[in-house]
Amino acid sequence: MKTASKPSEKLYTVLREIGLSHNASELYMVALKCTDTSITDLAKILSLSRPSVYASIKELQTAGLVKISDDKNITSNFSVVSPSAVLEKLRKRKADIESVESSFVAEIPDLLSQYH
């Protein structure tokens, strides 16, 4: 097992910005640096229960940030995707927010006319 160095605060911020929980963000950062680490070891590193680690893996999987081996055995074979995929998710979130902003700006005149 490789040990983790100090995780990037910027990476943590981006992971939170794309909607991950604290635990899932921490797990991503540890799994990025610690390859071939058991669930038990991850739980110890993160000071979490094993069920919390499994829940965080599921959250990462739902977000598309985890690869699980073909045998679907999370306990022995999962890995996180490249930070480049995280960047793409951040860019998509930014584009979505810009789209919402653009739609909202178009409604501002009507909203201001109703404002007292």
N, C-alpha and C. Protein backbone atom coordinates (compact mmCIF):
# COMPACT_ATOMS: atom_id res chain seq x y z
N MET A 1 0.84 -1.18 0.00
CA MET A 1 0.00 0.00 0.00
C MET A 1 0.88 1.24 0.00
N LYS A 2 0.63 2.13 -0.96
CA LYS A 2 1.32 3.41 -0.97
C LYS A 2 0.60 4.35 -0.01
N THR A 3 1.34 5.18 0.67
CA THR A 3 0.69 6.13 1.58
C THR A 3 0.40 7.43 0.85
N ALA A 4 -0.62 8.09 1.32
CA ALA A 4 -1.05 9.33 0.69
C ALA A 4 -0.25 10.51 1.19
N SER A 5 0.06 11.41 0.27
CA SER A 5 0.66 12.67 0.69
C SER A 5 -0.49 13.65 0.95
N LYS A 6 -0.15 14.86 1.33
CA LYS A 6 -1.18 15.85 1.66
C LYS A 6 -2.08 16.08 0.44
N PRO A 7 -3.39 15.89 0.61
CA PRO A 7 -4.29 16.07 -0.53
C PRO A 7 -4.41 17.54 -0.93
N SER A 8 -4.73 17.74 -2.18
CA SER A 8 -4.88 19.08 -2.72
C SER A 8 -6.17 19.73 -2.24
N GLU A 9 -6.05 20.90 -1.64
CA GLU A 9 -7.25 21.63 -1.21
C GLU A 9 -8.08 22.05 -2.41
N LYS A 10 -7.42 22.35 -3.53
CA LYS A 10 -8.16 22.74 -4.73
C LYS A 10 -8.95 21.57 -5.27
N LEU A 11 -8.36 20.37 -5.26
CA LEU A 11 -9.07 19.19 -5.71
C LEU A 11 -10.28 18.95 -4.83
N TYR A 12 -10.10 19.07 -3.53
CA TYR A 12 -11.22 18.88 -2.60
C TYR A 12 -12.34 19.88 -2.91
N THR A 13 -11.98 21.13 -3.14
CA THR A 13 -12.96 22.17 -3.44
C THR A 13 -13.73 21.83 -4.72
N VAL A 14 -13.02 21.37 -5.74
CA VAL A 14 -13.66 21.01 -7.01
C VAL A 14 -14.59 19.83 -6.81
N LEU A 15 -14.15 18.82 -6.06
CA LEU A 15 -15.00 17.65 -5.82
C LEU A 15 -16.28 18.04 -5.10
N ARG A 16 -16.16 18.94 -4.14
CA ARG A 16 -17.35 19.42 -3.43
C ARG A 16 -18.25 20.24 -4.37
N GLU A 17 -17.63 21.03 -5.23
CA GLU A 17 -18.37 21.88 -6.16
C GLU A 17 -19.17 21.05 -7.16
N ILE A 18 -18.67 19.89 -7.54
CA ILE A 18 -19.41 19.06 -8.48
C ILE A 18 -20.45 18.19 -7.78
N GLY A 19 -20.57 18.38 -6.46
CA GLY A 19 -21.68 17.76 -5.75
C GLY A 19 -21.37 16.58 -4.86
N LEU A 20 -20.09 16.27 -4.66
CA LEU A 20 -19.75 15.15 -3.80
C LEU A 20 -19.79 15.54 -2.32
N SER A 21 -20.10 14.56 -1.50
CA SER A 21 -20.07 14.78 -0.05
C SER A 21 -18.62 14.87 0.43
N HIS A 22 -18.47 15.27 1.66
CA HIS A 22 -17.13 15.34 2.27
C HIS A 22 -16.45 13.97 2.22
N ASN A 23 -17.17 12.93 2.65
CA ASN A 23 -16.57 11.60 2.70
C ASN A 23 -16.17 11.09 1.32
N ALA A 24 -17.04 11.29 0.32
CA ALA A 24 -16.71 10.84 -1.03
C ALA A 24 -15.54 11.62 -1.60
N SER A 25 -15.47 12.91 -1.30
CA SER A 25 -14.35 13.73 -1.77
C SER A 25 -13.04 13.26 -1.15
N GLU A 26 -13.07 13.01 0.14
CA GLU A 26 -11.87 12.51 0.83
C GLU A 26 -11.46 11.14 0.28
N LEU A 27 -12.44 10.26 0.05
CA LEU A 27 -12.14 8.93 -0.49
C LEU A 27 -11.51 9.04 -1.86
N TYR A 28 -12.05 9.90 -2.72
CA TYR A 28 -11.47 10.09 -4.05
C TYR A 28 -10.01 10.47 -3.93
N MET A 29 -9.72 11.45 -3.08
CA MET A 29 -8.34 11.94 -2.96
C MET A 29 -7.40 10.86 -2.42
N VAL A 30 -7.87 10.08 -1.47
CA VAL A 30 -7.03 9.01 -0.92
C VAL A 30 -6.84 7.91 -1.96
N ALA A 31 -7.93 7.51 -2.62
CA ALA A 31 -7.85 6.44 -3.62
C ALA A 31 -7.00 6.84 -4.82
N LEU A 32 -6.95 8.12 -5.11
CA LEU A 32 -6.12 8.62 -6.20
C LEU A 32 -4.64 8.35 -5.92
N LYS A 33 -4.27 8.46 -4.65
CA LYS A 33 -2.86 8.33 -4.27
C LYS A 33 -2.51 6.96 -3.70
N CYS A 34 -3.49 6.24 -3.18
CA CYS A 34 -3.26 4.93 -2.57
C CYS A 34 -3.86 3.85 -3.44
N THR A 35 -3.03 3.20 -4.20
CA THR A 35 -3.55 2.13 -5.06
C THR A 35 -3.49 0.81 -4.31
N ASP A 36 -4.35 -0.11 -4.74
CA ASP A 36 -4.39 -1.45 -4.14
C ASP A 36 -4.56 -1.39 -2.62
N THR A 37 -5.49 -0.59 -2.17
CA THR A 37 -5.74 -0.44 -0.75
C THR A 37 -7.07 -1.10 -0.41
N SER A 38 -7.09 -1.89 0.64
CA SER A 38 -8.32 -2.58 1.02
C SER A 38 -9.33 -1.60 1.60
N ILE A 39 -10.58 -2.03 1.62
CA ILE A 39 -11.64 -1.21 2.22
C ILE A 39 -11.34 -0.96 3.69
N THR A 40 -10.86 -1.97 4.37
CA THR A 40 -10.51 -1.82 5.78
C THR A 40 -9.43 -0.76 5.96
N ASP A 41 -8.40 -0.80 5.13
CA ASP A 41 -7.34 0.21 5.22
C ASP A 41 -7.86 1.60 4.87
N LEU A 42 -8.72 1.69 3.86
CA LEU A 42 -9.31 2.99 3.52
C LEU A 42 -10.12 3.53 4.69
N ALA A 43 -10.87 2.65 5.33
CA ALA A 43 -11.68 3.07 6.49
C ALA A 43 -10.78 3.62 7.59
N LYS A 44 -9.65 2.97 7.82
CA LYS A 44 -8.71 3.44 8.84
C LYS A 44 -8.10 4.78 8.45
N ILE A 45 -7.67 4.89 7.20
CA ILE A 45 -7.05 6.13 6.73
C ILE A 45 -8.03 7.30 6.86
N LEU A 46 -9.29 7.05 6.52
CA LEU A 46 -10.30 8.10 6.50
C LEU A 46 -11.04 8.27 7.82
N SER A 47 -10.75 7.40 8.78
CA SER A 47 -11.46 7.39 10.06
C SER A 47 -12.97 7.26 9.86
N LEU A 48 -13.34 6.32 8.99
CA LEU A 48 -14.73 6.04 8.69
C LEU A 48 -15.02 4.57 8.96
N SER A 49 -16.29 4.25 9.08
CA SER A 49 -16.69 2.85 9.16
C SER A 49 -16.62 2.25 7.76
N ARG A 50 -16.52 0.93 7.69
CA ARG A 50 -16.52 0.28 6.38
C ARG A 50 -17.80 0.57 5.61
N PRO A 51 -19.00 0.52 6.26
CA PRO A 51 -20.21 0.87 5.50
C PRO A 51 -20.17 2.29 4.93
N SER A 52 -19.54 3.22 5.64
CA SER A 52 -19.41 4.59 5.13
C SER A 52 -18.49 4.63 3.92
N VAL A 53 -17.45 3.82 3.93
CA VAL A 53 -16.56 3.74 2.76
C VAL A 53 -17.32 3.18 1.57
N TYR A 54 -18.10 2.10 1.79
CA TYR A 54 -18.90 1.54 0.71
C TYR A 54 -19.90 2.57 0.16
N ALA A 55 -20.54 3.32 1.05
CA ALA A 55 -21.49 4.35 0.62
C ALA A 55 -20.78 5.43 -0.21
N SER A 56 -19.57 5.78 0.20
CA SER A 56 -18.80 6.79 -0.54
C SER A 56 -18.37 6.26 -1.91
N ILE A 57 -18.02 4.98 -1.97
CA ILE A 57 -17.67 4.37 -3.26
C ILE A 57 -18.90 4.41 -4.17
N LYS A 58 -20.05 4.08 -3.63
CA LYS A 58 -21.30 4.11 -4.40
C LYS A 58 -21.57 5.54 -4.91
N GLU A 59 -21.34 6.52 -4.06
CA GLU A 59 -21.53 7.92 -4.46
C GLU A 59 -20.58 8.29 -5.60
N LEU A 60 -19.32 7.87 -5.48
CA LEU A 60 -18.35 8.12 -6.55
C LEU A 60 -18.75 7.40 -7.84
N GLN A 61 -19.27 6.20 -7.69
CA GLN A 61 -19.71 5.43 -8.85
C GLN A 61 -20.87 6.14 -9.54
N THR A 62 -21.83 6.61 -8.76
CA THR A 62 -22.97 7.34 -9.31
C THR A 62 -22.51 8.61 -10.05
N ALA A 63 -21.48 9.24 -9.53
CA ALA A 63 -20.94 10.46 -10.15
C ALA A 63 -20.04 10.15 -11.35
N GLY A 64 -19.79 8.87 -11.60
CA GLY A 64 -18.93 8.49 -12.73
C GLY A 64 -17.45 8.67 -12.46
N LEU A 65 -17.07 8.63 -11.19
CA LEU A 65 -15.67 8.86 -10.83
C LEU A 65 -14.96 7.62 -10.32
N VAL A 66 -15.59 6.47 -10.47
CA VAL A 66 -15.00 5.21 -10.02
C VAL A 66 -15.11 4.18 -11.12
N LYS A 67 -14.06 3.38 -11.26
CA LYS A 67 -14.10 2.23 -12.16
C LYS A 67 -14.10 0.99 -11.27
N ILE A 68 -15.04 0.10 -11.51
CA ILE A 68 -15.10 -1.16 -10.76
C ILE A 68 -14.85 -2.27 -11.75
N SER A 69 -14.07 -3.26 -11.31
CA SER A 69 -13.71 -4.36 -12.20
C SER A 69 -14.95 -5.08 -12.71
N ASP A 70 -14.76 -5.86 -13.75
CA ASP A 70 -15.87 -6.57 -14.37
C ASP A 70 -16.60 -7.51 -13.42
N ASP A 71 -15.91 -8.01 -12.41
CA ASP A 71 -16.56 -8.94 -11.49
C ASP A 71 -17.44 -8.24 -10.46
N LYS A 72 -17.50 -6.90 -10.55
CA LYS A 72 -18.35 -6.09 -9.66
C LYS A 72 -18.01 -6.25 -8.19
N ASN A 73 -16.80 -6.68 -7.89
CA ASN A 73 -16.38 -6.90 -6.52
C ASN A 73 -15.71 -5.64 -5.99
N ILE A 74 -16.51 -4.77 -5.40
CA ILE A 74 -15.99 -3.49 -4.89
C ILE A 74 -14.89 -3.72 -3.86
N THR A 75 -15.00 -4.79 -3.10
CA THR A 75 -14.05 -4.99 -2.01
C THR A 75 -12.63 -5.15 -2.49
N SER A 76 -12.45 -5.63 -3.71
CA SER A 76 -11.07 -5.86 -4.12
C SER A 76 -10.64 -5.06 -5.34
N ASN A 77 -11.57 -4.57 -6.12
CA ASN A 77 -11.17 -3.93 -7.37
C ASN A 77 -11.97 -2.69 -7.71
N PHE A 78 -11.58 -1.60 -7.17
CA PHE A 78 -12.15 -0.33 -7.63
C PHE A 78 -11.00 0.66 -7.72
N SER A 79 -11.17 1.59 -8.62
CA SER A 79 -10.18 2.66 -8.74
C SER A 79 -10.91 3.91 -9.18
N VAL A 80 -10.34 5.03 -8.85
CA VAL A 80 -10.95 6.30 -9.25
C VAL A 80 -10.46 6.67 -10.64
N VAL A 81 -11.26 7.45 -11.33
CA VAL A 81 -10.88 7.91 -12.67
C VAL A 81 -9.90 9.07 -12.54
N SER A 82 -9.34 9.43 -13.63
CA SER A 82 -8.34 10.50 -13.70
C SER A 82 -8.93 11.84 -13.24
N PRO A 83 -8.08 12.68 -12.64
CA PRO A 83 -8.53 14.04 -12.30
C PRO A 83 -9.02 14.82 -13.53
N SER A 84 -8.61 14.41 -14.73
CA SER A 84 -9.11 15.05 -15.95
C SER A 84 -10.62 14.89 -16.06
N ALA A 85 -11.14 13.74 -15.63
CA ALA A 85 -12.59 13.51 -15.64
C ALA A 85 -13.28 14.44 -14.65
N VAL A 86 -12.63 14.71 -13.53
CA VAL A 86 -13.18 15.65 -12.54
C VAL A 86 -13.24 17.04 -13.15
N LEU A 87 -12.20 17.42 -13.87
CA LEU A 87 -12.18 18.73 -14.54
C LEU A 87 -13.32 18.83 -15.54
N GLU A 88 -13.56 17.78 -16.31
CA GLU A 88 -14.66 17.79 -17.27
C GLU A 88 -16.01 17.94 -16.58
N LYS A 89 -16.18 17.30 -15.44
CA LYS A 89 -17.42 17.44 -14.68
C LYS A 89 -17.58 18.87 -14.17
N LEU A 90 -16.49 19.48 -13.74
CA LEU A 90 -16.53 20.87 -13.28
C LEU A 90 -16.92 21.79 -14.44
N ARG A 91 -16.33 21.56 -15.60
CA ARG A 91 -16.65 22.38 -16.78
C ARG A 91 -18.12 22.23 -17.18
N LYS A 92 -18.64 21.01 -17.09
CA LYS A 92 -20.05 20.80 -17.41
C LYS A 92 -20.94 21.53 -16.40
N ARG A 93 -20.58 21.45 -15.13
CA ARG A 93 -21.35 22.16 -14.11
C ARG A 93 -21.33 23.67 -14.36
N LYS A 94 -20.16 24.18 -14.74
CA LYS A 94 -20.04 25.60 -15.04
C LYS A 94 -20.93 25.98 -16.22
N ALA A 95 -20.94 25.16 -17.27
CA ALA A 95 -21.79 25.43 -18.44
C ALA A 95 -23.27 25.38 -18.05
N ASP A 96 -23.64 24.44 -17.21
CA ASP A 96 -25.03 24.35 -16.75
C ASP A 96 -25.43 25.59 -15.96
N ILE A 97 -24.54 26.05 -15.10
CA ILE A 97 -24.82 27.25 -14.30
C ILE A 97 -24.92 28.48 -15.21
N GLU A 98 -24.05 28.57 -16.20
CA GLU A 98 -24.11 29.70 -17.13
C GLU A 98 -25.42 29.70 -17.91
N SER A 99 -25.91 28.53 -18.26
CA SER A 99 -27.18 28.42 -18.97
C SER A 99 -28.34 28.88 -18.08
N VAL A 100 -28.32 28.45 -16.83
CA VAL A 100 -29.35 28.87 -15.88
C VAL A 100 -29.28 30.39 -15.69
N GLU A 101 -28.06 30.90 -15.57
CA GLU A 101 -27.89 32.34 -15.38
C GLU A 101 -28.45 33.11 -16.57
N SER A 102 -28.15 32.65 -17.76
CA SER A 102 -28.63 33.32 -18.97
C SER A 102 -30.15 33.35 -19.01
N SER A 103 -30.78 32.25 -18.67
CA SER A 103 -32.25 32.20 -18.65
C SER A 103 -32.80 33.13 -17.58
N PHE A 104 -32.14 33.16 -16.45
CA PHE A 104 -32.59 34.00 -15.35
C PHE A 104 -32.46 35.48 -15.69
N VAL A 105 -31.35 35.85 -16.31
CA VAL A 105 -31.13 37.25 -16.70
C VAL A 105 -32.25 37.72 -17.63
N ALA A 106 -32.70 36.84 -18.51
CA ALA A 106 -33.79 37.20 -19.41
C ALA A 106 -35.09 37.48 -18.66
N GLU A 107 -35.27 36.89 -17.50
CA GLU A 107 -36.49 37.07 -16.71
C GLU A 107 -36.41 38.25 -15.73
N ILE A 108 -35.25 38.81 -15.55
CA ILE A 108 -35.07 39.89 -14.57
C ILE A 108 -36.05 41.05 -14.81
N PRO A 109 -36.23 41.56 -16.02
CA PRO A 109 -37.17 42.68 -16.19
C PRO A 109 -38.58 42.37 -15.66
N ASP A 110 -39.09 41.18 -15.97
CA ASP A 110 -40.41 40.79 -15.46
C ASP A 110 -40.42 40.70 -13.94
N LEU A 111 -39.38 40.12 -13.39
CA LEU A 111 -39.29 39.97 -11.94
C LEU A 111 -39.20 41.33 -11.25
N LEU A 112 -38.44 42.23 -11.85
CA LEU A 112 -38.30 43.57 -11.26
C LEU A 112 -39.61 44.34 -11.32
N SER A 113 -40.40 44.10 -12.36
CA SER A 113 -41.69 44.79 -12.45
C SER A 113 -42.66 44.31 -11.36
N GLN A 114 -42.45 43.09 -10.86
CA GLN A 114 -43.30 42.54 -9.80
C GLN A 114 -42.75 42.88 -8.40
N TYR A 115 -41.54 43.31 -8.35
CA TYR A 115 -40.88 43.60 -7.06
C TYR A 115 -41.42 44.87 -6.46
N HIS A 116 -41.76 44.83 -5.18
CA HIS A 116 -42.29 46.03 -4.51
C HIS A 116 -41.27 46.57 -3.55
